[in-house]
PDB file of N, CA and C in Angstrom:
ATOM      1  N   MET A   1     -58.995 -36.843 -36.467  1.00  0.00           N
ATOM      2  CA  MET A   1     -59.133 -36.563 -35.057  1.00  0.00           C
ATOM      3  C   MET A   1     -58.709 -35.117 -34.831  1.00  0.00           C
ATOM      4  N   LYS A   2     -59.347 -34.478 -33.880  1.00  0.00           N
ATOM      5  CA  LYS A   2     -59.095 -33.071 -33.620  1.00  0.00           C
ATOM      6  C   LYS A   2     -58.892 -32.862 -32.123  1.00  0.00           C
ATOM      7  N   ASP A   3     -57.882 -32.106 -31.756  1.00  0.00           N
ATOM      8  CA  ASP A   3     -57.624 -31.791 -30.349  1.00  0.00           C
ATOM      9  C   ASP A   3     -58.510 -30.615 -29.956  1.00  0.00           C
ATOM     10  N   ILE A   4     -59.440 -30.846 -29.030  1.00  0.00           N
ATOM     11  CA  ILE A   4     -60.344 -29.767 -28.596  1.00  0.00           C
ATOM     12  C   ILE A   4     -60.003 -29.259 -27.206  1.00  0.00           C
ATOM     13  N   GLY A   5     -58.848 -29.637 -26.698  1.00  0.00           N
ATOM     14  CA  GLY A   5     -58.402 -29.133 -25.405  1.00  0.00           C
ATOM     15  C   GLY A   5     -58.652 -30.110 -24.268  1.00  0.00           C
ATOM     16  N   VAL A   6     -58.595 -29.572 -23.077  1.00  0.00           N
ATOM     17  CA  VAL A   6     -58.769 -30.369 -21.867  1.00  0.00           C
ATOM     18  C   VAL A   6     -60.231 -30.791 -21.727  1.00  0.00           C
ATOM     19  N   THR A   7     -60.446 -32.065 -21.408  1.00  0.00           N
ATOM     20  CA  THR A   7     -61.788 -32.610 -21.267  1.00  0.00           C
ATOM     21  C   THR A   7     -62.373 -32.267 -19.905  1.00  0.00           C
ATOM     22  N   ASP A   8     -63.650 -31.839 -19.900  1.00  0.00           N
ATOM     23  CA  ASP A   8     -64.372 -31.589 -18.652  1.00  0.00           C
ATOM     24  C   ASP A   8     -65.343 -32.722 -18.333  1.00  0.00           C
ATOM     25  N   VAL A   9     -66.037 -33.208 -19.365  1.00  0.00           N
ATOM     26  CA  VAL A   9     -67.019 -34.281 -19.198  1.00  0.00           C
ATOM     27  C   VAL A   9     -66.831 -35.285 -20.320  1.00  0.00           C
ATOM     28  N   ILE A  10     -66.809 -36.553 -19.947  1.00  0.00           N
ATOM     29  CA  ILE A  10     -66.747 -37.621 -20.944  1.00  0.00           C
ATOM     30  C   ILE A  10     -67.579 -38.794 -20.432  1.00  0.00           C
ATOM     31  N   LEU A  11     -68.494 -39.286 -21.269  1.00  0.00           N
ATOM     32  CA  LEU A  11     -69.383 -40.401 -20.919  1.00  0.00           C
ATOM     33  C   LEU A  11     -70.125 -40.148 -19.610  1.00  0.00           C
ATOM     34  N   SER A  12     -70.622 -38.948 -19.433  1.00  0.00           N
ATOM     35  CA  SER A  12     -71.383 -38.511 -18.245  1.00  0.00           C
ATOM     36  C   SER A  12     -70.542 -38.462 -16.973  1.00  0.00           C
ATOM     37  N   ILE A  13     -69.246 -38.491 -17.096  1.00  0.00           N
ATOM     38  CA  ILE A  13     -68.356 -38.391 -15.937  1.00  0.00           C
ATOM     39  C   ILE A  13     -67.665 -37.027 -15.999  1.00  0.00           C
ATOM     40  N   ARG A  14     -67.850 -36.224 -14.959  1.00  0.00           N
ATOM     41  CA  ARG A  14     -67.197 -34.919 -14.886  1.00  0.00           C
ATOM     42  C   ARG A  14     -65.804 -35.096 -14.295  1.00  0.00           C
ATOM     43  N   ILE A  15     -64.827 -34.481 -14.933  1.00  0.00           N
ATOM     44  CA  ILE A  15     -63.439 -34.570 -14.507  1.00  0.00           C
ATOM     45  C   ILE A  15     -63.021 -33.207 -13.964  1.00  0.00           C
ATOM     46  N   LYS A  16     -62.610 -33.191 -12.698  1.00  0.00           N
ATOM     47  CA  LYS A  16     -62.155 -31.953 -12.062  1.00  0.00           C
ATOM     48  C   LYS A  16     -60.675 -32.102 -11.743  1.00  0.00           C
ATOM     49  N   ARG A  17     -59.905 -31.116 -12.168  1.00  0.00           N
ATOM     50  CA  ARG A  17     -58.468 -31.116 -11.899  1.00  0.00           C
ATOM     51  C   ARG A  17     -58.145 -29.976 -10.953  1.00  0.00           C
ATOM     52  N   ASP A  18     -57.311 -30.270  -9.949  1.00  0.00           N
ATOM     53  CA  ASP A  18     -56.827 -29.223  -9.046  1.00  0.00           C
ATOM     54  C   ASP A  18     -55.433 -29.600  -8.570  1.00  0.00           C
ATOM     55  N   ASP A  19     -54.918 -28.857  -7.628  1.00  0.00           N
ATOM     56  CA  ASP A  19     -53.561 -29.097  -7.139  1.00  0.00           C
ATOM     57  C   ASP A  19     -53.413 -30.447  -6.442  1.00  0.00           C
ATOM     58  N   ASN A  20     -54.511 -30.979  -5.900  1.00  0.00           N
ATOM     59  CA  ASN A  20     -54.467 -32.254  -5.177  1.00  0.00           C
ATOM     60  C   ASN A  20     -54.587 -33.464  -6.095  1.00  0.00           C
ATOM     61  N   GLY A  21     -54.921 -33.257  -7.369  1.00  0.00           N
ATOM     62  CA  GLY A  21     -55.049 -34.366  -8.304  1.00  0.00           C
ATOM     63  C   GLY A  21     -56.307 -34.248  -9.142  1.00  0.00           C
ATOM     64  N   ILE A  22     -56.822 -35.390  -9.543  1.00  0.00           N
ATOM     65  CA  ILE A  22     -58.004 -35.462 -10.399  1.00  0.00           C
ATOM     66  C   ILE A  22     -59.139 -36.106  -9.619  1.00  0.00           C
ATOM     67  N   THR A  23     -60.335 -35.527  -9.744  1.00  0.00           N
ATOM     68  CA  THR A  23     -61.535 -36.069  -9.120  1.00  0.00           C
ATOM     69  C   THR A  23     -62.548 -36.346 -10.223  1.00  0.00           C
ATOM     70  N   ILE A  24     -63.183 -37.533 -10.172  1.00  0.00           N
ATOM     71  CA  ILE A  24     -64.252 -37.818 -11.120  1.00  0.00           C
ATOM     72  C   ILE A  24     -65.562 -37.906 -10.352  1.00  0.00           C
ATOM     73  N   THR A  25     -66.624 -37.394 -10.962  1.00  0.00           N
ATOM     74  CA  THR A  25     -67.930 -37.374 -10.305  1.00  0.00           C
ATOM     75  C   THR A  25     -69.031 -37.484 -11.353  1.00  0.00           C
ATOM     76  N   GLN A  26     -70.175 -37.968 -10.937  1.00  0.00           N
ATOM     77  CA  GLN A  26     -71.346 -38.049 -11.806  1.00  0.00           C
ATOM     78  C   GLN A  26     -72.519 -37.271 -11.222  1.00  0.00           C
ATOM     79  N   SER A  27     -72.255 -36.328 -10.353  1.00  0.00           N
ATOM     80  CA  SER A  27     -73.349 -35.611  -9.695  1.00  0.00           C
ATOM     81  C   SER A  27     -74.267 -34.919 -10.698  1.00  0.00           C
ATOM     82  N   HIS A  28     -73.708 -34.349 -11.752  1.00  0.00           N
ATOM     83  CA  HIS A  28     -74.564 -33.676 -12.743  1.00  0.00           C
ATOM     84  C   HIS A  28     -75.441 -34.682 -13.484  1.00  0.00           C
ATOM     85  N   TYR A  29     -74.930 -35.887 -13.743  1.00  0.00           N
ATOM     86  CA  TYR A  29     -75.723 -36.927 -14.400  1.00  0.00           C
ATOM     87  C   TYR A  29     -76.844 -37.410 -13.481  1.00  0.00           C
ATOM     88  N   ILE A  30     -76.532 -37.623 -12.213  1.00  0.00           N
ATOM     89  CA  ILE A  30     -77.541 -38.051 -11.239  1.00  0.00           C
ATOM     90  C   ILE A  30     -78.618 -36.982 -11.089  1.00  0.00           C
ATOM     91  N   GLU A  31     -78.224 -35.705 -11.027  1.00  0.00           N
ATOM     92  CA  GLU A  31     -79.202 -34.618 -10.937  1.00  0.00           C
ATOM     93  C   GLU A  31     -80.101 -34.590 -12.164  1.00  0.00           C
ATOM     94  N   LYS A  32     -79.542 -34.844 -13.344  1.00  0.00           N
ATOM     95  CA  LYS A  32     -80.335 -34.893 -14.574  1.00  0.00           C
ATOM     96  C   LYS A  32     -81.357 -36.024 -14.515  1.00  0.00           C
ATOM     97  N   ILE A  33     -80.959 -37.182 -13.998  1.00  0.00           N
ATOM     98  CA  ILE A  33     -81.881 -38.311 -13.847  1.00  0.00           C
ATOM     99  C   ILE A  33     -82.989 -37.957 -12.864  1.00  0.00           C
ATOM    100  N   LEU A  34     -82.625 -37.372 -11.726  1.00  0.00           N
ATOM    101  CA  LEU A  34     -83.623 -37.009 -10.717  1.00  0.00           C
ATOM    102  C   LEU A  34     -84.624 -35.996 -11.267  1.00  0.00           C
ATOM    103  N   ASN A  35     -84.170 -35.039 -12.054  1.00  0.00           N
ATOM    104  CA  ASN A  35     -85.088 -34.091 -12.689  1.00  0.00           C
ATOM    105  C   ASN A  35     -86.005 -34.801 -13.671  1.00  0.00           C
ATOM    106  N   LYS A  36     -85.465 -35.755 -14.422  1.00  0.00           N
ATOM    107  CA  LYS A  36     -86.242 -36.494 -15.417  1.00  0.00           C
ATOM    108  C   LYS A  36     -87.363 -37.301 -14.770  1.00  0.00           C
ATOM    109  N   ILE A  37     -87.083 -37.904 -13.611  1.00  0.00           N
ATOM    110  CA  ILE A  37     -88.100 -38.733 -12.945  1.00  0.00           C
ATOM    111  C   ILE A  37     -88.848 -37.958 -11.849  1.00  0.00           C
ATOM    112  N   LYS A  38     -88.655 -36.643 -11.830  1.00  0.00           N
ATOM    113  CA  LYS A  38     -89.360 -35.740 -10.917  1.00  0.00           C
ATOM    114  C   LYS A  38     -89.101 -36.081  -9.446  1.00  0.00           C
ATOM    115  N   ARG A  39     -87.841 -36.318  -9.109  1.00  0.00           N
ATOM    116  CA  ARG A  39     -87.424 -36.609  -7.731  1.00  0.00           C
ATOM    117  C   ARG A  39     -86.273 -35.693  -7.310  1.00  0.00           C
ATOM    118  N   GLU A  40     -86.242 -34.479  -7.850  1.00  0.00           N
ATOM    119  CA  GLU A  40     -85.130 -33.567  -7.584  1.00  0.00           C
ATOM    120  C   GLU A  40     -85.054 -33.098  -6.133  1.00  0.00           C
ATOM    121  N   ASN A  41     -86.114 -33.258  -5.354  1.00  0.00           N
ATOM    122  CA  ASN A  41     -86.115 -32.818  -3.953  1.00  0.00           C
ATOM    123  C   ASN A  41     -85.864 -33.956  -2.971  1.00  0.00           C
ATOM    124  N   CYS A  42     -85.439 -35.113  -3.456  1.00  0.00           N
ATOM    125  CA  CYS A  42     -85.199 -36.229  -2.549  1.00  0.00           C
ATOM    126  C   CYS A  42     -83.909 -35.997  -1.756  1.00  0.00           C
ATOM    127  N   SER A  43     -83.820 -36.672  -0.635  1.00  0.00           N
ATOM    128  CA  SER A  43     -82.665 -36.513   0.256  1.00  0.00           C
ATOM    129  C   SER A  43     -81.654 -37.627   0.016  1.00  0.00           C
ATOM    130  N   PRO A  44     -80.372 -37.301   0.021  1.00  0.00           N
ATOM    131  CA  PRO A  44     -79.366 -38.360  -0.144  1.00  0.00           C
ATOM    132  C   PRO A  44     -79.268 -39.220   1.116  1.00  0.00           C
ATOM    133  N   VAL A  45     -78.979 -40.478   0.927  1.00  0.00           N
ATOM    134  CA  VAL A  45     -78.797 -41.410   2.042  1.00  0.00           C
ATOM    135  C   VAL A  45     -77.508 -42.191   1.818  1.00  0.00           C
ATOM    136  N   ASN A  46     -76.969 -42.702   2.900  1.00  0.00           N
ATOM    137  CA  ASN A  46     -75.758 -43.489   2.799  1.00  0.00           C
ATOM    138  C   ASN A  46     -75.846 -44.627   3.807  1.00  0.00           C
ATOM    139  N   PRO A  47     -75.834 -45.873   3.482  1.00  0.00           N
ATOM    140  CA  PRO A  47     -75.804 -46.448   2.152  1.00  0.00           C
ATOM    141  C   PRO A  47     -77.153 -46.284   1.460  1.00  0.00           C
ATOM    142  N   PRO A  48     -77.209 -46.461   0.127  1.00  0.00           N
ATOM    143  CA  PRO A  48     -78.449 -46.200  -0.605  1.00  0.00           C
ATOM    144  C   PRO A  48     -79.600 -47.144  -0.304  1.00  0.00           C
ATOM    145  N   ILE A  49     -79.334 -48.286   0.349  1.00  0.00           N
ATOM    146  CA  ILE A  49     -80.414 -49.209   0.695  1.00  0.00           C
ATOM    147  C   ILE A  49     -80.055 -49.910   2.004  1.00  0.00           C
ATOM    148  N   ASP A  50     -81.063 -50.118   2.831  1.00  0.00           N
ATOM    149  CA  ASP A  50     -80.870 -50.835   4.086  1.00  0.00           C
ATOM    150  C   ASP A  50     -80.778 -52.327   3.770  1.00  0.00           C
ATOM    151  N   LEU A  51     -79.687 -52.955   4.139  1.00  0.00           N
ATOM    152  CA  LEU A  51     -79.456 -54.362   3.812  1.00  0.00           C
ATOM    153  C   LEU A  51     -80.432 -55.305   4.493  1.00  0.00           C
ATOM    154  N   SER A  52     -81.073 -54.846   5.569  1.00  0.00           N
ATOM    155  CA  SER A  52     -82.006 -55.714   6.283  1.00  0.00           C
ATOM    156  C   SER A  52     -83.418 -55.674   5.688  1.00  0.00           C
ATOM    157  N   VAL A  53     -83.692 -54.742   4.784  1.00  0.00           N
ATOM    158  CA  VAL A  53     -85.018 -54.620   4.186  1.00  0.00           C
ATOM    159  C   VAL A  53     -85.185 -55.660   3.090  1.00  0.00           C
ATOM    160  N   LYS A  54     -86.287 -56.394   3.162  1.00  0.00           N
ATOM    161  CA  LYS A  54     -86.592 -57.382   2.126  1.00  0.00           C
ATOM    162  C   LYS A  54     -87.669 -56.789   1.227  1.00  0.00           C
ATOM    163  N   LEU A  55     -87.337 -56.594  -0.044  1.00  0.00           N
ATOM    164  CA  LEU A  55     -88.299 -56.048  -0.994  1.00  0.00           C
ATOM    165  C   LEU A  55     -89.190 -57.177  -1.499  1.00  0.00           C
ATOM    166  N   LEU A  56     -90.456 -57.095  -1.164  1.00  0.00           N
ATOM    167  CA  LEU A  56     -91.427 -58.109  -1.558  1.00  0.00           C
ATOM    168  C   LEU A  56     -92.090 -57.721  -2.865  1.00  0.00           C
ATOM    169  N   PRO A  57     -92.663 -58.671  -3.584  1.00  0.00           N
ATOM    170  CA  PRO A  57     -93.391 -58.336  -4.805  1.00  0.00           C
ATOM    171  C   PRO A  57     -94.539 -57.371  -4.496  1.00  0.00           C
ATOM    172  N   ASN A  58     -94.860 -56.555  -5.448  1.00  0.00           N
ATOM    173  CA  ASN A  58     -95.902 -55.549  -5.281  1.00  0.00           C
ATOM    174  C   ASN A  58     -97.278 -56.199  -5.228  1.00  0.00           C
ATOM    175  N   THR A  59     -98.027 -55.904  -4.189  1.00  0.00           N
ATOM    176  CA  THR A  59     -99.406 -56.385  -4.075  1.00  0.00           C
ATOM    177  C   THR A  59    -100.372 -55.219  -3.997  1.00  0.00           C
ATOM    178  N   GLY A  60     -99.853 -54.014  -3.929  1.00  0.00           N
ATOM    179  CA  GLY A  60    -100.692 -52.823  -3.835  1.00  0.00           C
ATOM    180  C   GLY A  60    -100.799 -52.130  -5.172  1.00  0.00           C
ATOM    181  N   LYS A  61    -100.944 -50.823  -5.100  1.00  0.00           N
ATOM    182  CA  LYS A  61    -101.081 -50.015  -6.306  1.00  0.00           C
ATOM    183  C   LYS A  61     -99.748 -49.977  -7.052  1.00  0.00           C
ATOM    184  N   ALA A  62     -99.808 -50.268  -8.327  1.00  0.00           N
ATOM    185  CA  ALA A  62     -98.604 -50.272  -9.156  1.00  0.00           C
ATOM    186  C   ALA A  62     -98.259 -48.853  -9.608  1.00  0.00           C
ATOM    187  N   VAL A  63     -96.984 -48.621  -9.809  1.00  0.00           N
ATOM    188  CA  VAL A  63     -96.536 -47.357 -10.389  1.00  0.00           C
ATOM    189  C   VAL A  63     -96.223 -47.617 -11.854  1.00  0.00           C
ATOM    190  N   SER A  64     -95.961 -46.570 -12.600  1.00  0.00           N
ATOM    191  CA  SER A  64     -95.703 -46.711 -14.029  1.00  0.00           C
ATOM    192  C   SER A  64     -94.483 -47.592 -14.270  1.00  0.00           C
ATOM    193  N   GLN A  65     -94.704 -48.713 -14.930  1.00  0.00           N
ATOM    194  CA  GLN A  65     -93.622 -49.647 -15.206  1.00  0.00           C
ATOM    195  C   GLN A  65     -92.586 -49.011 -16.131  1.00  0.00           C
ATOM    196  N   LEU A  66     -93.027 -48.210 -17.101  1.00  0.00           N
ATOM    197  CA  LEU A  66     -92.106 -47.563 -18.032  1.00  0.00           C
ATOM    198  C   LEU A  66     -91.196 -46.570 -17.317  1.00  0.00           C
ATOM    199  N   GLU A  67     -91.782 -45.718 -16.474  1.00  0.00           N
ATOM    200  CA  GLU A  67     -90.979 -44.729 -15.747  1.00  0.00           C
ATOM    201  C   GLU A  67     -90.008 -45.415 -14.786  1.00  0.00           C
ATOM    202  N   TYR A  68     -90.463 -46.446 -14.102  1.00  0.00           N
ATOM    203  CA  TYR A  68     -89.605 -47.181 -13.168  1.00  0.00           C
ATOM    204  C   TYR A  68     -88.438 -47.818 -13.917  1.00  0.00           C
ATOM    205  N   SER A  69     -88.731 -48.461 -15.041  1.00  0.00           N
ATOM    206  CA  SER A  69     -87.690 -49.115 -15.832  1.00  0.00           C
ATOM    207  C   SER A  69     -86.685 -48.107 -16.377  1.00  0.00           C
ATOM    208  N   GLN A  70     -87.158 -46.939 -16.801  1.00  0.00           N
ATOM    209  CA  GLN A  70     -86.253 -45.898 -17.294  1.00  0.00           C
ATOM    210  C   GLN A  70     -85.328 -45.408 -16.184  1.00  0.00           C
ATOM    211  N   ALA A  71     -85.871 -45.198 -15.001  1.00  0.00           N
ATOM    212  CA  ALA A  71     -85.053 -44.749 -13.872  1.00  0.00           C
ATOM    213  C   ALA A  71     -84.010 -45.797 -13.513  1.00  0.00           C
ATOM    214  N   ILE A  72     -84.412 -47.067 -13.475  1.00  0.00           N
ATOM    215  CA  ILE A  72     -83.483 -48.149 -13.151  1.00  0.00           C
ATOM    216  C   ILE A  72     -82.364 -48.217 -14.199  1.00  0.00           C
ATOM    217  N   SER A  73     -82.720 -48.124 -15.485  1.00  0.00           N
ATOM    218  CA  SER A  73     -81.691 -48.229 -16.524  1.00  0.00           C
ATOM    219  C   SER A  73     -80.716 -47.056 -16.473  1.00  0.00           C
ATOM    220  N   CYS A  74     -81.202 -45.845 -16.199  1.00  0.00           N
ATOM    221  CA  CYS A  74     -80.314 -44.682 -16.079  1.00  0.00           C
ATOM    222  C   CYS A  74     -79.357 -44.860 -14.904  1.00  0.00           C
ATOM    223  N   LEU A  75     -79.867 -45.339 -13.784  1.00  0.00           N
ATOM    224  CA  LEU A  75     -79.020 -45.533 -12.617  1.00  0.00           C
ATOM    225  C   LEU A  75     -78.064 -46.710 -12.800  1.00  0.00           C
ATOM    226  N   MET A  76     -78.453 -47.705 -13.583  1.00  0.00           N
ATOM    227  CA  MET A  76     -77.536 -48.810 -13.863  1.00  0.00           C
ATOM    228  C   MET A  76     -76.353 -48.325 -14.690  1.00  0.00           C
ATOM    229  N   TYR A  77     -76.587 -47.368 -15.580  1.00  0.00           N
ATOM    230  CA  TYR A  77     -75.465 -46.794 -16.320  1.00  0.00           C
ATOM    231  C   TYR A  77     -74.519 -46.090 -15.345  1.00  0.00           C
ATOM    232  N   ALA A  78     -75.070 -45.352 -14.388  1.00  0.00           N
ATOM    233  CA  ALA A  78     -74.240 -44.665 -13.400  1.00  0.00           C
ATOM    234  C   ALA A  78     -73.470 -45.675 -12.558  1.00  0.00           C
ATOM    235  N   MET A  79     -74.076 -46.795 -12.262  1.00  0.00           N
ATOM    236  CA  MET A  79     -73.449 -47.806 -11.421  1.00  0.00           C
ATOM    237  C   MET A  79     -72.242 -48.437 -12.100  1.00  0.00           C
ATOM    238  N   THR A  80     -72.236 -48.515 -13.426  1.00  0.00           N
ATOM    239  CA  THR A  80     -71.128 -49.158 -14.128  1.00  0.00           C
ATOM    240  C   THR A  80     -69.888 -48.280 -14.186  1.00  0.00           C
ATOM    241  N   ASN A  81     -70.011 -47.028 -13.869  1.00  0.00           N
ATOM    242  CA  ASN A  81     -68.874 -46.111 -13.897  1.00  0.00           C
ATOM    243  C   ASN A  81     -68.354 -45.910 -12.481  1.00  0.00           C
ATOM    244  N   PRO A  82     -68.206 -44.701 -11.988  1.00  0.00           N
ATOM    245  CA  PRO A  82     -67.591 -44.526 -10.667  1.00  0.00           C
ATOM    246  C   PRO A  82     -68.546 -44.679  -9.491  1.00  0.00           C
ATOM    247  N   ARG A  83     -69.647 -45.425  -9.614  1.00  0.00           N
ATOM    248  CA  ARG A  83     -70.598 -45.570  -8.516  1.00  0.00           C
ATOM    249  C   ARG A  83     -70.815 -47.021  -8.119  1.00  0.00           C
ATOM    250  N   PRO A  84     -69.769 -47.741  -7.726  1.00  0.00           N
ATOM    251  CA  PRO A  84     -69.979 -49.137  -7.318  1.00  0.00           C
ATOM    252  C   PRO A  84     -70.751 -49.269  -6.014  1.00  0.00           C
ATOM    253  N   ASP A  85     -70.937 -48.160  -5.283  1.00  0.00           N
ATOM    254  CA  ASP A  85     -71.666 -48.213  -4.016  1.00  0.00           C
ATOM    255  C   ASP A  85     -73.154 -48.457  -4.194  1.00  0.00           C
ATOM    256  N   ILE A  86     -73.672 -48.279  -5.405  1.00  0.00           N
ATOM    257  CA  ILE A  86     -75.111 -48.489  -5.613  1.00  0.00           C
ATOM    258  C   ILE A  86     -75.423 -49.815  -6.299  1.00  0.00           C
ATOM    259  N   VAL A  87     -74.423 -50.654  -6.521  1.00  0.00           N
ATOM    260  CA  VAL A  87     -74.636 -51.914  -7.237  1.00  0.00           C
ATOM    261  C   VAL A  87     -75.645 -52.812  -6.521  1.00  0.00           C
ATOM    262  N   TYR A  88     -75.503 -52.977  -5.214  1.00  0.00           N
ATOM    263  CA  TYR A  88     -76.421 -53.850  -4.473  1.00  0.00           C
ATOM    264  C   TYR A  88     -77.852 -53.325  -4.551  1.00  0.00           C
ATOM    265  N   ALA A  89     -78.020 -52.031  -4.334  1.00  0.00           N
ATOM    266  CA  ALA A  89     -79.364 -51.436  -4.380  1.00  0.00           C
ATOM    267  C   ALA A  89     -79.984 -51.594  -5.766  1.00  0.00           C
ATOM    268  N   MET A  90     -79.202 -51.369  -6.810  1.00  0.00           N
ATOM    269  CA  MET A  90     -79.738 -51.490  -8.162  1.00  0.00           C
ATOM    270  C   MET A  90     -80.099 -52.938  -8.484  1.00  0.00           C
ATOM    271  N   GLY A  91     -79.310 -53.884  -7.999  1.00  0.00           N
ATOM    272  CA  GLY A  91     -79.639 -55.290  -8.205  1.00  0.00           C
ATOM    273  C   GLY A  91     -80.958 -55.664  -7.561  1.00  0.00           C
ATOM    274  N   LYS A  92     -81.182 -55.188  -6.342  1.00  0.00           N
ATOM    275  CA  LYS A  92     -82.438 -55.461  -5.644  1.00  0.00           C
ATOM    276  C   LYS A  92     -83.621 -54.793  -6.344  1.00  0.00           C
ATOM    277  N   LEU A  93     -83.462 -53.519  -6.706  1.00  0.00           N
ATOM    278  CA  LEU A  93     -84.569 -52.777  -7.308  1.00  0.00           C
ATOM    279  C   LEU A  93     -84.889 -53.239  -8.727  1.00  0.00           C
ATOM    280  N   SER A  94     -83.891 -53.691  -9.464  1.00  0.00           N
ATOM    281  CA  SER A  94     -84.138 -54.116 -10.838  1.00  0.00           C
ATOM    282  C   SER A  94     -84.966 -55.396 -10.918  1.00  0.00           C
ATOM    283  N   ARG A  95     -85.065 -56.118  -9.833  1.00  0.00           N
ATOM    284  CA  ARG A  95     -85.885 -57.337  -9.818  1.00  0.00           C
ATOM    285  C   ARG A  95     -87.378 -57.034  -9.884  1.00  0.00           C
ATOM    286  N   SER A  96     -87.742 -55.772  -9.648  1.00  0.00           N
ATOM    287  CA  SER A  96     -89.157 -55.401  -9.574  1.00  0.00           C
ATOM    288  C   SER A  96     -89.629 -54.614 -10.794  1.00  0.00           C
ATOM    289  N   THR A  97     -88.892 -54.663 -11.891  1.00  0.00           N
ATOM    290  CA  THR A  97     -89.287 -53.844 -13.042  1.00  0.00           C
ATOM    291  C   THR A  97     -90.576 -54.324 -13.715  1.00  0.00           C
ATOM    292  N   SER A  98     -90.969 -55.571 -13.531  1.00  0.00           N
ATOM    293  CA  SER A  98     -92.197 -56.048 -14.164  1.00  0.00           C
ATOM    294  C   SER A  98     -93.452 -55.606 -13.417  1.00  0.00           C
ATOM    295  N   ASN A  99     -93.336 -55.320 -12.124  1.00  0.00           N
ATOM    296  CA  ASN A  99     -94.495 -54.894 -11.339  1.00  0.00           C
ATOM    297  C   ASN A  99     -94.031 -54.020 -10.169  1.00  0.00           C
ATOM    298  N   PRO A 100     -93.550 -52.806 -10.446  1.00  0.00           N
ATOM    299  CA  PRO A 100     -93.031 -51.959  -9.371  1.00  0.00           C
ATOM    300  C   PRO A 100     -94.149 -51.329  -8.539  1.00  0.00           C
ATOM    301  N   GLY A 101     -93.865 -51.164  -7.270  1.00  0.00           N
ATOM    302  CA  GLY A 101     -94.801 -50.489  -6.375  1.00  0.00           C
ATOM    303  C   GLY A 101     -94.147 -49.271  -5.759  1.00  0.00           C
ATOM    304  N   THR A 102     -94.892 -48.546  -4.948  1.00  0.00           N
ATOM    305  CA  THR A 102     -94.367 -47.328  -4.347  1.00  0.00           C
ATOM    306  C   THR A 102     -93.235 -47.618  -3.363  1.00  0.00           C
ATOM    307  N   HIS A 103     -93.232 -48.796  -2.724  1.00  0.00           N
ATOM    308  CA  HIS A 103     -92.157 -49.130  -1.781  1.00  0.00           C
ATOM    309  C   HIS A 103     -90.843 -49.430  -2.508  1.00  0.00           C
ATOM    310  N   HIS A 104     -90.903 -49.729  -3.786  1.00  0.00           N
ATOM    311  CA  HIS A 104     -89.692 -49.955  -4.565  1.00  0.00           C
ATOM    312  C   HIS A 104     -89.070 -48.613  -4.892  1.00  0.00           C
TER     313      HIS A 104
END
């Protein structure tokens, strides 16, 4: 084992230290995912999904199942770390990986 100094990023989690304490964030990981799926210009929302919206099975034009599944899996990794706020949205969206549509 080798000491390489103070850690900045570990397991896609950025660690920031200052006088007020330690802050962990995954913004750089989320930005990397958005660039990968070509959604870097999307707007942030809070909460990430409207609880009253019912996602129905896709009956219209399908989107790429592979790209949708890759995006869902990347975001599920983010959800298991410091992003518990997206768990509900990811659970709803992951149900549509076999036939995703544009509304998903």
